């Protein structure tokens, strides 16, 4: 509990171990104690010896690990998995035959493939299919185009979530009907594997 001192006639004394006597402790006009300390005690374990502190290389290692951890957290936040999808690009195709693979990606051995997005460009109306194999069964998603144009789609949840593409199989985007004479098509996949 704080003590308020209103009288300037009160004198404080403190014990001085160097002179083995009690000495007056002075206050200022607001009755705040004034003290001169010759040293500030350093209780054990308040600080550690310099030799026991982390070295620069240890700190660098910790910072590098923290950077990796933050990088993984960013991927988890954005994609829901520790992955970084990349676009698989394919060139333009003029007047493709029906069921032409406009873009194709083979899933690596021992991995599962995920489709996080696509890009389709066509100079006319047509339907498209995103095709893959999951559990040995053919799977597809139909993307109808009612006229010429471009469609780009990307999401943090894979289009084939729960039905990942089998290892060493192809993920493709195909046109359902044959393309018209001189009409240009192009497709891309936003792909990742685990």
N, C-alpha and C. Protein backbone atom coordinates (compact mmCIF):
# COMPACT_ATOMS: atom_id res chain seq x y z
N UNK A 1 0.84 -1.17 0.00
CA UNK A 1 0.00 0.00 0.00
C UNK A 1 0.89 1.23 0.00
N UNK A 2 0.66 2.20 -0.93
CA UNK A 2 1.50 3.38 -0.99
C UNK A 2 1.30 4.27 0.23
N UNK A 3 2.39 4.91 0.64
CA UNK A 3 2.34 5.83 1.78
C UNK A 3 2.58 7.23 1.24
N UNK A 4 1.69 8.15 1.53
CA UNK A 4 1.86 9.54 1.12
C UNK A 4 2.46 10.31 2.29
N UNK A 5 3.53 11.03 2.03
CA UNK A 5 4.17 11.83 3.07
C UNK A 5 3.87 13.29 2.77
N UNK A 6 3.22 13.98 3.70
CA UNK A 6 2.84 15.37 3.49
C UNK A 6 3.68 16.33 4.30
N UNK A 7 4.53 15.83 5.16
CA UNK A 7 5.31 16.72 6.02
C UNK A 7 6.76 16.65 5.58
N UNK A 8 7.40 17.78 5.52
CA UNK A 8 8.82 17.80 5.14
C UNK A 8 9.70 17.60 6.36
N UNK A 9 9.08 17.40 7.53
CA UNK A 9 9.88 17.22 8.74
C UNK A 9 10.24 15.77 9.00
N UNK A 10 9.69 14.85 8.20
CA UNK A 10 10.03 13.43 8.39
C UNK A 10 11.39 13.17 7.75
N UNK A 11 12.22 12.45 8.47
CA UNK A 11 13.55 12.12 7.95
C UNK A 11 13.62 10.61 7.77
N UNK A 12 14.18 10.19 6.65
CA UNK A 12 14.38 8.77 6.38
C UNK A 12 15.84 8.45 6.58
N UNK A 13 16.08 7.26 7.07
CA UNK A 13 17.45 6.81 7.26
C UNK A 13 17.60 5.47 6.55
N UNK A 14 18.79 5.22 6.05
CA UNK A 14 19.11 3.95 5.42
C UNK A 14 20.44 3.48 5.94
N UNK A 15 20.63 2.18 6.01
CA UNK A 15 21.86 1.61 6.55
C UNK A 15 22.92 1.55 5.46
N UNK A 16 24.11 2.06 5.75
CA UNK A 16 25.25 2.06 4.84
C UNK A 16 26.24 1.01 5.32
N UNK A 17 26.35 -0.12 4.62
CA UNK A 17 27.23 -1.19 5.10
C UNK A 17 28.71 -0.83 5.02
N UNK A 18 29.07 0.17 4.20
CA UNK A 18 30.50 0.53 4.12
C UNK A 18 30.95 1.29 5.36
N UNK A 19 30.06 2.11 5.93
CA UNK A 19 30.42 2.86 7.15
C UNK A 19 29.83 2.22 8.38
N UNK A 20 29.05 1.16 8.18
CA UNK A 20 28.37 0.46 9.27
C UNK A 20 27.56 1.42 10.14
N UNK A 21 26.87 2.35 9.47
CA UNK A 21 26.06 3.31 10.23
C UNK A 21 24.81 3.66 9.41
N UNK A 22 23.87 4.25 10.13
CA UNK A 22 22.66 4.73 9.49
C UNK A 22 22.91 6.13 8.95
N UNK A 23 22.50 6.38 7.70
CA UNK A 23 22.69 7.68 7.07
C UNK A 23 21.34 8.26 6.68
N UNK A 24 21.29 9.59 6.62
CA UNK A 24 20.06 10.24 6.18
C UNK A 24 19.81 9.94 4.70
N UNK A 25 18.54 9.70 4.37
CA UNK A 25 18.14 9.55 2.97
C UNK A 25 17.40 10.83 2.63
N UNK A 26 17.84 11.49 1.59
CA UNK A 26 17.29 12.79 1.22
C UNK A 26 16.09 12.63 0.28
N UNK A 27 15.15 13.57 0.39
CA UNK A 27 14.00 13.59 -0.51
C UNK A 27 13.99 14.91 -1.24
N UNK A 28 13.31 14.93 -2.38
CA UNK A 28 13.18 16.20 -3.09
C UNK A 28 11.93 16.92 -2.59
N UNK A 29 11.56 18.02 -3.20
CA UNK A 29 10.42 18.82 -2.77
C UNK A 29 9.09 18.09 -2.86
N UNK A 30 9.04 16.99 -3.59
CA UNK A 30 7.81 16.22 -3.73
C UNK A 30 7.85 14.96 -2.87
N UNK A 31 8.80 14.92 -1.94
CA UNK A 31 8.99 13.80 -1.02
C UNK A 31 9.34 12.49 -1.73
N UNK A 32 10.02 12.60 -2.90
CA UNK A 32 10.52 11.41 -3.57
C UNK A 32 11.93 11.16 -3.07
N UNK A 33 12.21 9.93 -2.79
CA UNK A 33 13.52 9.58 -2.24
C UNK A 33 14.58 9.72 -3.31
N UNK A 34 15.68 10.35 -2.94
CA UNK A 34 16.83 10.48 -3.82
C UNK A 34 17.88 9.50 -3.33
N UNK A 35 18.46 8.74 -4.23
CA UNK A 35 19.47 7.77 -3.82
C UNK A 35 20.58 7.74 -4.85
N UNK A 36 21.77 7.47 -4.37
CA UNK A 36 22.91 7.29 -5.25
C UNK A 36 23.37 5.85 -5.05
N UNK A 37 23.32 5.09 -6.11
CA UNK A 37 23.72 3.70 -6.02
C UNK A 37 25.12 3.55 -6.59
N UNK A 38 25.99 2.94 -5.82
CA UNK A 38 27.34 2.68 -6.31
C UNK A 38 27.35 1.52 -7.29
N UNK A 39 26.45 0.60 -7.09
CA UNK A 39 26.35 -0.53 -8.02
C UNK A 39 24.93 -1.06 -7.96
N UNK A 40 24.54 -1.73 -9.04
CA UNK A 40 23.24 -2.37 -9.08
C UNK A 40 23.51 -3.86 -8.99
N UNK A 41 22.96 -4.52 -8.00
CA UNK A 41 23.22 -5.95 -7.85
C UNK A 41 22.70 -6.73 -9.05
N UNK A 42 23.41 -7.81 -9.39
CA UNK A 42 23.02 -8.66 -10.49
C UNK A 42 22.77 -10.06 -9.94
N UNK A 43 21.51 -10.34 -9.58
CA UNK A 43 21.22 -11.66 -9.03
C UNK A 43 21.60 -12.76 -10.02
N UNK A 44 21.93 -13.93 -9.49
CA UNK A 44 22.31 -15.02 -10.36
C UNK A 44 21.19 -15.35 -11.33
N UNK A 45 21.55 -15.71 -12.55
CA UNK A 45 20.65 -16.10 -13.63
C UNK A 45 19.85 -14.93 -14.20
N UNK A 46 20.13 -13.69 -13.75
CA UNK A 46 19.50 -12.55 -14.40
C UNK A 46 20.11 -12.38 -15.78
N UNK A 47 21.36 -12.67 -15.90
CA UNK A 47 22.06 -12.62 -17.17
C UNK A 47 22.92 -13.87 -17.24
N UNK A 48 23.36 -14.22 -18.42
CA UNK A 48 24.20 -15.40 -18.59
C UNK A 48 25.56 -14.99 -19.10
N UNK A 49 26.54 -15.84 -18.87
CA UNK A 49 27.86 -15.56 -19.39
C UNK A 49 27.81 -15.49 -20.91
N UNK A 50 28.64 -14.63 -21.46
CA UNK A 50 28.70 -14.45 -22.90
C UNK A 50 29.01 -15.78 -23.60
N UNK A 51 29.81 -16.62 -22.97
CA UNK A 51 30.20 -17.89 -23.59
C UNK A 51 29.02 -18.85 -23.72
N UNK A 52 27.94 -18.65 -22.94
CA UNK A 52 26.80 -19.56 -23.01
C UNK A 52 25.70 -19.05 -23.92
N UNK A 53 25.85 -17.88 -24.50
CA UNK A 53 24.84 -17.34 -25.40
C UNK A 53 24.93 -18.04 -26.76
N UNK A 54 23.85 -17.95 -27.53
CA UNK A 54 23.82 -18.56 -28.85
C UNK A 54 24.82 -17.87 -29.77
N UNK A 55 25.52 -18.66 -30.54
CA UNK A 55 26.49 -18.10 -31.49
C UNK A 55 25.75 -17.56 -32.70
N UNK A 56 26.45 -16.79 -33.51
CA UNK A 56 25.86 -16.24 -34.74
C UNK A 56 25.39 -17.37 -35.66
N UNK A 57 26.17 -18.45 -35.74
CA UNK A 57 25.78 -19.55 -36.62
C UNK A 57 24.52 -20.23 -36.09
N UNK A 58 24.41 -20.34 -34.76
CA UNK A 58 23.19 -20.93 -34.18
C UNK A 58 22.00 -20.04 -34.47
N UNK A 59 22.17 -18.74 -34.29
CA UNK A 59 21.08 -17.81 -34.57
C UNK A 59 20.69 -17.85 -36.05
N UNK A 60 21.69 -17.92 -36.93
CA UNK A 60 21.41 -18.01 -38.36
C UNK A 60 20.63 -19.27 -38.68
N UNK A 61 21.00 -20.37 -38.04
CA UNK A 61 20.30 -21.64 -38.25
C UNK A 61 18.86 -21.55 -37.78
N UNK A 62 18.64 -20.93 -36.62
CA UNK A 62 17.28 -20.76 -36.09
C UNK A 62 16.47 -19.88 -37.03
N UNK A 63 17.06 -18.79 -37.52
CA UNK A 63 16.35 -17.89 -38.43
C UNK A 63 16.01 -18.59 -39.74
N UNK A 64 16.93 -19.41 -40.25
CA UNK A 64 16.68 -20.14 -41.48
C UNK A 64 15.51 -21.11 -41.28
N UNK A 65 15.50 -21.81 -40.15
CA UNK A 65 14.42 -22.75 -39.85
C UNK A 65 13.10 -22.01 -39.70
N UNK A 66 13.13 -20.83 -39.07
CA UNK A 66 11.93 -20.03 -38.92
C UNK A 66 11.40 -19.59 -40.28
N UNK A 67 12.31 -19.23 -41.20
CA UNK A 67 11.92 -18.82 -42.53
C UNK A 67 11.23 -19.97 -43.25
N UNK A 68 11.76 -21.18 -43.12
CA UNK A 68 11.15 -22.36 -43.74
C UNK A 68 9.77 -22.59 -43.13
N UNK A 69 9.67 -22.49 -41.83
CA UNK A 69 8.40 -22.70 -41.14
C UNK A 69 7.36 -21.67 -41.61
N UNK A 70 7.74 -20.42 -41.71
CA UNK A 70 6.81 -19.38 -42.17
C UNK A 70 6.41 -19.62 -43.61
N UNK A 71 7.34 -20.10 -44.42
CA UNK A 71 7.04 -20.41 -45.82
C UNK A 71 6.01 -21.54 -45.90
N UNK A 72 6.19 -22.56 -45.08
CA UNK A 72 5.22 -23.67 -45.05
C UNK A 72 3.86 -23.19 -44.57
N UNK A 73 3.85 -22.34 -43.55
CA UNK A 73 2.59 -21.79 -43.04
C UNK A 73 1.85 -20.99 -44.11
N UNK A 74 2.60 -20.23 -44.90
CA UNK A 74 1.99 -19.45 -45.98
C UNK A 74 1.33 -20.37 -47.00
N UNK A 75 2.00 -21.48 -47.34
CA UNK A 75 1.42 -22.44 -48.28
C UNK A 75 0.18 -23.09 -47.70
N UNK A 76 0.26 -23.48 -46.42
CA UNK A 76 -0.89 -24.10 -45.77
C UNK A 76 -2.09 -23.16 -45.76
N UNK A 77 -1.82 -21.89 -45.49
CA UNK A 77 -2.90 -20.90 -45.44
C UNK A 77 -3.52 -20.70 -46.82
N UNK A 78 -2.68 -20.64 -47.85
CA UNK A 78 -3.20 -20.36 -49.18
C UNK A 78 -3.82 -21.57 -49.85
N UNK A 79 -3.14 -22.74 -49.75
CA UNK A 79 -3.58 -23.91 -50.51
C UNK A 79 -4.15 -25.04 -49.66
N UNK A 80 -4.04 -24.96 -48.34
CA UNK A 80 -4.55 -26.01 -47.49
C UNK A 80 -3.62 -27.20 -47.37
N UNK A 81 -2.53 -27.18 -48.09
CA UNK A 81 -1.52 -28.25 -48.07
C UNK A 81 -0.15 -27.60 -48.23
N UNK A 82 0.89 -28.33 -47.88
CA UNK A 82 2.25 -27.82 -48.05
C UNK A 82 2.69 -28.03 -49.50
N UNK A 83 2.07 -27.26 -50.39
CA UNK A 83 2.37 -27.34 -51.82
C UNK A 83 2.39 -25.95 -52.42
N UNK A 84 2.92 -25.84 -53.61
CA UNK A 84 2.90 -24.59 -54.36
C UNK A 84 2.56 -24.93 -55.81
N UNK A 85 1.26 -24.86 -56.18
CA UNK A 85 0.87 -25.20 -57.55
C UNK A 85 1.58 -24.33 -58.58
N UNK A 86 1.81 -24.92 -59.74
CA UNK A 86 2.45 -24.21 -60.85
C UNK A 86 1.64 -24.41 -62.12
N UNK A 87 1.71 -23.41 -62.99
CA UNK A 87 1.00 -23.50 -64.26
C UNK A 87 1.77 -24.41 -65.21
N UNK A 88 1.03 -25.30 -65.88
CA UNK A 88 1.58 -26.13 -66.96
C UNK A 88 1.04 -25.51 -68.24
N UNK A 89 1.95 -24.96 -69.05
CA UNK A 89 1.56 -24.23 -70.26
C UNK A 89 1.61 -25.13 -71.49
N UNK A 90 0.74 -24.86 -72.43
CA UNK A 90 0.77 -25.56 -73.72
C UNK A 90 0.61 -24.51 -74.81
N UNK A 91 1.10 -24.83 -75.97
CA UNK A 91 1.02 -23.90 -77.09
C UNK A 91 -0.37 -23.85 -77.71
N UNK A 92 -0.55 -22.92 -78.64
CA UNK A 92 -1.81 -22.81 -79.35
C UNK A 92 -2.00 -24.00 -80.30
N UNK A 93 -3.24 -24.39 -80.49
CA UNK A 93 -3.59 -25.46 -81.42
C UNK A 93 -4.66 -24.91 -82.36
N UNK A 94 -4.42 -25.01 -83.66
CA UNK A 94 -5.38 -24.52 -84.64
C UNK A 94 -6.24 -25.67 -85.14
N UNK A 95 -7.56 -25.47 -85.14
CA UNK A 95 -8.54 -26.45 -85.61
C UNK A 95 -8.27 -27.85 -85.07
N UNK A 96 -8.25 -28.04 -83.75
CA UNK A 96 -7.96 -29.36 -83.21
C UNK A 96 -9.08 -30.36 -83.51
N UNK A 97 -8.68 -31.61 -83.71
CA UNK A 97 -9.66 -32.69 -83.88
C UNK A 97 -10.39 -32.88 -82.56
N UNK A 98 -11.53 -33.55 -82.58
CA UNK A 98 -12.29 -33.82 -81.36
C UNK A 98 -11.42 -34.62 -80.39
N UNK A 99 -11.54 -34.33 -79.12
CA UNK A 99 -10.81 -35.01 -78.03
C UNK A 99 -9.29 -34.84 -78.11
N UNK A 100 -8.83 -33.71 -78.64
CA UNK A 100 -7.40 -33.41 -78.66
C UNK A 100 -6.97 -32.94 -77.27
N UNK A 101 -5.85 -33.47 -76.78
CA UNK A 101 -5.31 -33.00 -75.50
C UNK A 101 -4.64 -31.65 -75.74
N UNK A 102 -5.29 -30.59 -75.29
CA UNK A 102 -4.76 -29.23 -75.48
C UNK A 102 -3.62 -28.94 -74.52
N UNK A 103 -3.62 -29.60 -73.37
CA UNK A 103 -2.52 -29.54 -72.41
C UNK A 103 -2.50 -30.87 -71.67
N UNK A 104 -1.32 -31.32 -71.28
CA UNK A 104 -1.20 -32.61 -70.60
C UNK A 104 -0.11 -32.53 -69.55
N UNK A 105 -0.35 -33.17 -68.41
CA UNK A 105 0.65 -33.25 -67.34
C UNK A 105 0.64 -34.67 -66.79
N UNK A 106 1.81 -35.30 -66.74
CA UNK A 106 1.94 -36.64 -66.18
C UNK A 106 2.30 -36.53 -64.71
N UNK A 107 1.56 -37.24 -63.87
CA UNK A 107 1.81 -37.26 -62.43
C UNK A 107 3.08 -38.07 -62.18
N UNK A 108 3.97 -37.55 -61.35
CA UNK A 108 5.24 -38.22 -61.05
C UNK A 108 5.00 -39.54 -60.31
N UNK A 109 5.96 -40.46 -60.46
CA UNK A 109 5.88 -41.75 -59.78
C UNK A 109 5.81 -41.54 -58.26
N UNK A 110 4.93 -42.28 -57.60
CA UNK A 110 4.80 -42.20 -56.15
C UNK A 110 4.10 -40.96 -55.65
N UNK A 111 3.50 -40.17 -56.53
CA UNK A 111 2.83 -38.92 -56.15
C UNK A 111 1.34 -38.99 -56.49
N UNK A 112 0.59 -38.03 -55.97
CA UNK A 112 -0.83 -37.86 -56.29
C UNK A 112 -0.97 -36.46 -56.88
N UNK A 113 -1.67 -36.32 -58.00
CA UNK A 113 -1.80 -35.04 -58.69
C UNK A 113 -3.08 -34.31 -58.34
N UNK A 114 -2.97 -32.99 -58.18
CA UNK A 114 -4.11 -32.15 -57.85
C UNK A 114 -4.24 -31.00 -58.84
N UNK A 115 -5.47 -30.71 -59.24
CA UNK A 115 -5.77 -29.65 -60.21
C UNK A 115 -6.33 -28.47 -59.43
N UNK A 116 -5.58 -27.37 -59.40
CA UNK A 116 -6.01 -26.18 -58.66
C UNK A 116 -6.60 -25.10 -59.55
N UNK A 117 -6.53 -25.33 -60.84
CA UNK A 117 -7.11 -24.34 -61.73
C UNK A 117 -6.86 -24.69 -63.19
N UNK A 118 -7.44 -23.88 -64.06
CA UNK A 118 -7.24 -24.09 -65.49
C UNK A 118 -7.42 -22.78 -66.24
N UNK A 119 -6.94 -22.76 -67.47
CA UNK A 119 -7.11 -21.64 -68.40
C UNK A 119 -7.51 -22.28 -69.72
N UNK A 120 -8.61 -21.80 -70.29
CA UNK A 120 -9.04 -22.29 -71.60
C UNK A 120 -9.36 -21.08 -72.47
N UNK A 121 -8.84 -21.10 -73.67
CA UNK A 121 -9.11 -20.04 -74.64
C UNK A 121 -9.57 -20.71 -75.94
N UNK A 122 -10.68 -20.23 -76.50
CA UNK A 122 -11.18 -20.80 -77.76
C UNK A 122 -11.82 -19.70 -78.59
N UNK A 123 -11.64 -19.78 -79.89
CA UNK A 123 -12.22 -18.79 -80.81
C UNK A 123 -13.63 -19.13 -81.24
N UNK A 124 -14.27 -20.09 -80.57
CA UNK A 124 -15.64 -20.48 -80.91
C UNK A 124 -16.26 -21.24 -79.74
N UNK A 125 -17.55 -21.50 -79.81
CA UNK A 125 -18.24 -22.28 -78.79
C UNK A 125 -17.78 -23.74 -78.88
N UNK A 126 -17.59 -24.36 -77.73
CA UNK A 126 -17.23 -25.77 -77.67
C UNK A 126 -17.30 -26.18 -76.20
N UNK A 127 -17.34 -27.45 -75.94
CA UNK A 127 -17.24 -27.95 -74.58
C UNK A 127 -15.84 -28.51 -74.38
N UNK A 128 -15.38 -28.48 -73.14
CA UNK A 128 -14.05 -28.99 -72.81
C UNK A 128 -14.18 -29.94 -71.63
N UNK A 129 -13.22 -30.84 -71.52
CA UNK A 129 -13.18 -31.76 -70.38
C UNK A 129 -11.81 -31.70 -69.74
N UNK A 130 -11.83 -31.65 -68.40
CA UNK A 130 -10.60 -31.84 -67.62
C UNK A 130 -10.62 -33.30 -67.22
N UNK A 131 -9.62 -34.07 -67.63
CA UNK A 131 -9.61 -35.52 -67.48
C UNK A 131 -8.45 -35.98 -66.60
N UNK A 132 -8.72 -37.00 -65.76
CA UNK A 132 -7.67 -37.62 -64.96
C UNK A 132 -8.12 -39.01 -64.55
N UNK A 133 -7.23 -39.78 -63.97
CA UNK A 133 -7.54 -41.12 -63.48
C UNK A 133 -7.32 -41.14 -61.98
N UNK A 134 -8.32 -41.62 -61.23
CA UNK A 134 -8.22 -41.70 -59.78
C UNK A 134 -8.70 -43.08 -59.34
N UNK A 135 -7.85 -43.79 -58.61
CA UNK A 135 -8.21 -45.14 -58.17
C UNK A 135 -8.42 -46.08 -59.33
N UNK A 136 -7.74 -45.82 -60.45
CA UNK A 136 -7.87 -46.65 -61.65
C UNK A 136 -9.07 -46.33 -62.50
N UNK A 137 -9.93 -45.40 -62.07
CA UNK A 137 -11.14 -45.05 -62.82
C UNK A 137 -10.98 -43.68 -63.48
N UNK A 138 -11.49 -43.57 -64.71
CA UNK A 138 -11.44 -42.31 -65.45
C UNK A 138 -12.40 -41.31 -64.81
N UNK A 139 -11.94 -40.09 -64.63
CA UNK A 139 -12.74 -39.00 -64.07
C UNK A 139 -12.67 -37.81 -65.02
N UNK A 140 -13.70 -36.96 -65.00
CA UNK A 140 -13.65 -35.75 -65.82
C UNK A 140 -14.60 -34.70 -65.27
N UNK A 141 -14.30 -33.45 -65.62
CA UNK A 141 -15.18 -32.32 -65.32
C UNK A 141 -15.42 -31.62 -66.65
N UNK A 142 -16.69 -31.41 -66.98
CA UNK A 142 -17.02 -30.75 -68.25
C UNK A 142 -17.09 -29.24 -68.02
N UNK A 143 -16.50 -28.49 -68.96
CA UNK A 143 -16.51 -27.03 -68.92
C UNK A 143 -17.14 -26.55 -70.24
N UNK A 144 -18.40 -26.12 -70.22
CA UNK A 144 -19.05 -25.68 -71.47
C UNK A 144 -18.68 -24.24 -71.82
N UNK A 145 -18.46 -24.02 -73.12
CA UNK A 145 -18.23 -22.67 -73.66
C UNK A 145 -19.39 -22.38 -74.60
N UNK A 146 -20.20 -21.37 -74.32
CA UNK A 146 -21.34 -21.05 -75.18
C UNK A 146 -20.94 -20.14 -76.35
N UNK A 147 -19.74 -19.64 -76.31
CA UNK A 147 -19.24 -18.78 -77.39
C UNK A 147 -17.74 -18.64 -77.27
N UNK A 148 -17.13 -17.89 -78.18
CA UNK A 148 -15.68 -17.74 -78.11
C UNK A 148 -15.32 -16.92 -76.87
N UNK A 149 -14.10 -17.17 -76.37
CA UNK A 149 -13.66 -16.42 -75.21
C UNK A 149 -12.56 -17.12 -74.43
N UNK A 150 -12.33 -16.62 -73.22
CA UNK A 150 -11.29 -17.13 -72.34
C UNK A 150 -11.89 -17.36 -70.96
N UNK A 151 -11.50 -18.45 -70.33
CA UNK A 151 -11.93 -18.73 -68.97
C UNK A 151 -10.70 -19.15 -68.17
N UNK A 152 -10.47 -18.45 -67.07
CA UNK A 152 -9.39 -18.84 -66.15
C UNK A 152 -10.02 -19.04 -64.79
N UNK A 153 -9.67 -20.16 -64.16
CA UNK A 153 -10.21 -20.50 -62.86
C UNK A 153 -9.07 -20.98 -61.97
N UNK A 154 -9.03 -20.51 -60.73
CA UNK A 154 -8.06 -20.99 -59.74
C UNK A 154 -8.72 -20.93 -58.37
N UNK A 155 -8.44 -21.94 -57.54
CA UNK A 155 -9.03 -21.99 -56.22
C UNK A 155 -8.03 -22.62 -55.26
N UNK A 156 -8.19 -22.37 -53.97
CA UNK A 156 -7.30 -22.97 -52.98
C UNK A 156 -7.71 -24.41 -52.66
N UNK A 157 -8.86 -24.83 -53.12
CA UNK A 157 -9.29 -26.22 -52.99
C UNK A 157 -9.17 -26.87 -54.36
N UNK A 158 -8.48 -27.99 -54.42
CA UNK A 158 -8.29 -28.67 -55.70
C UNK A 158 -9.62 -29.10 -56.29
N UNK A 159 -9.75 -28.96 -57.61
CA UNK A 159 -10.96 -29.41 -58.30
C UNK A 159 -11.20 -30.91 -58.10
N UNK A 160 -10.12 -31.65 -57.95
CA UNK A 160 -10.22 -33.09 -57.77
C UNK A 160 -9.88 -33.51 -56.34
N UNK A 161 -10.15 -32.63 -55.38
CA UNK A 161 -9.91 -32.95 -53.97
C UNK A 161 -10.66 -34.22 -53.60
N UNK A 162 -9.98 -35.14 -52.96
CA UNK A 162 -10.59 -36.41 -52.60
C UNK A 162 -10.53 -37.44 -53.72
N UNK A 163 -10.20 -37.00 -54.92
CA UNK A 163 -10.07 -37.88 -56.09
C UNK A 163 -8.77 -37.54 -56.81
N UNK A 164 -7.67 -37.50 -56.08
CA UNK A 164 -6.39 -37.13 -56.66
C UNK A 164 -6.01 -38.04 -57.82
N UNK A 165 -5.28 -37.47 -58.77
CA UNK A 165 -4.85 -38.23 -59.95
C UNK A 165 -3.79 -39.24 -59.57
N UNK A 166 -3.93 -40.45 -60.09
CA UNK A 166 -3.00 -41.54 -59.80
C UNK A 166 -1.60 -41.24 -60.35
N UNK A 167 -0.59 -41.80 -59.68
CA UNK A 167 0.79 -41.67 -60.13
C UNK A 167 0.94 -42.24 -61.53
N UNK A 168 1.78 -41.58 -62.31
CA UNK A 168 2.14 -42.00 -63.67
C UNK A 168 0.95 -42.06 -64.62
N UNK A 169 -0.08 -41.25 -64.37
CA UNK A 169 -1.21 -41.09 -65.30
C UNK A 169 -1.21 -39.64 -65.75
N UNK A 170 -1.96 -39.37 -66.82
CA UNK A 170 -2.00 -38.02 -67.38
C UNK A 170 -3.24 -37.26 -66.94
N UNK A 171 -3.05 -35.97 -66.69
CA UNK A 171 -4.16 -35.03 -66.50
C UNK A 171 -4.19 -34.21 -67.79
N UNK A 172 -5.35 -34.13 -68.42
CA UNK A 172 -5.44 -33.40 -69.69
C UNK A 172 -6.66 -32.48 -69.71
N UNK A 173 -6.62 -31.52 -70.61
CA UNK A 173 -7.80 -30.75 -70.97
C UNK A 173 -8.01 -31.02 -72.45
N UNK A 174 -9.20 -31.52 -72.79
CA UNK A 174 -9.52 -31.85 -74.18
C UNK A 174 -10.73 -31.05 -74.64
N UNK A 175 -10.81 -30.82 -75.96
CA UNK A 175 -12.00 -30.22 -76.56
C UNK A 175 -12.93 -31.36 -76.97
N UNK A 176 -14.24 -31.21 -76.73
CA UNK A 176 -15.19 -32.28 -77.02
C UNK A 176 -15.43 -32.40 -78.52
N UNK A 177 -15.74 -31.29 -79.17
CA UNK A 177 -16.00 -31.30 -80.62
C UNK A 177 -14.78 -30.78 -81.37
N UNK A 178 -14.69 -31.14 -82.63
CA UNK A 178 -13.57 -30.67 -83.47
C UNK A 178 -13.64 -29.15 -83.61
N UNK A 179 -12.47 -28.53 -83.65
CA UNK A 179 -12.40 -27.09 -83.82
C UNK A 179 -12.63 -26.70 -85.27
N UNK A 180 -13.21 -25.53 -85.48
CA UNK A 180 -13.46 -25.03 -86.83
C UNK A 180 -12.18 -24.68 -87.55
N UNK A 181 -12.24 -24.62 -88.85
CA UNK A 181 -11.08 -24.31 -89.69
C UNK A 181 -10.48 -22.95 -89.30
N UNK A 182 -9.20 -22.94 -88.99
CA UNK A 182 -8.50 -21.71 -88.63
C UNK A 182 -8.76 -21.19 -87.23
N UNK A 183 -9.57 -21.88 -86.45
CA UNK A 183 -9.90 -21.42 -85.08
C UNK A 183 -8.83 -21.91 -84.11
N UNK A 184 -8.36 -20.99 -83.26
CA UNK A 184 -7.26 -21.27 -82.34
C UNK A 184 -7.79 -21.61 -80.95
N UNK A 185 -7.18 -22.64 -80.35
CA UNK A 185 -7.48 -23.10 -78.99
C UNK A 185 -6.18 -23.10 -78.18
N UNK A 186 -6.32 -22.93 -76.87
CA UNK A 186 -5.16 -23.03 -75.99
C UNK A 186 -5.64 -23.36 -74.58
N UNK A 187 -4.81 -24.13 -73.83
CA UNK A 187 -5.19 -24.49 -72.46
C UNK A 187 -3.96 -24.57 -71.56
N UNK A 188 -4.21 -24.39 -70.25
CA UNK A 188 -3.17 -24.52 -69.21
C UNK A 188 -3.81 -25.17 -67.99
N UNK A 189 -2.96 -25.79 -67.17
CA UNK A 189 -3.40 -26.40 -65.91
C UNK A 189 -2.63 -25.78 -64.75
N UNK A 190 -3.31 -25.48 -63.65
CA UNK A 190 -2.64 -25.10 -62.41
C UNK A 190 -2.55 -26.37 -61.59
N UNK A 191 -1.33 -26.89 -61.43
CA UNK A 191 -1.12 -28.26 -60.97
C UNK A 191 -0.15 -28.32 -59.80
N UNK A 192 -0.41 -29.28 -58.91
CA UNK A 192 0.52 -29.59 -57.82
C UNK A 192 0.41 -31.07 -57.52
N UNK A 193 1.46 -31.62 -56.93
CA UNK A 193 1.43 -33.04 -56.54
C UNK A 193 2.05 -33.22 -55.17
N UNK A 194 1.60 -34.26 -54.52
CA UNK A 194 2.12 -34.59 -53.19
C UNK A 194 2.53 -36.05 -53.17
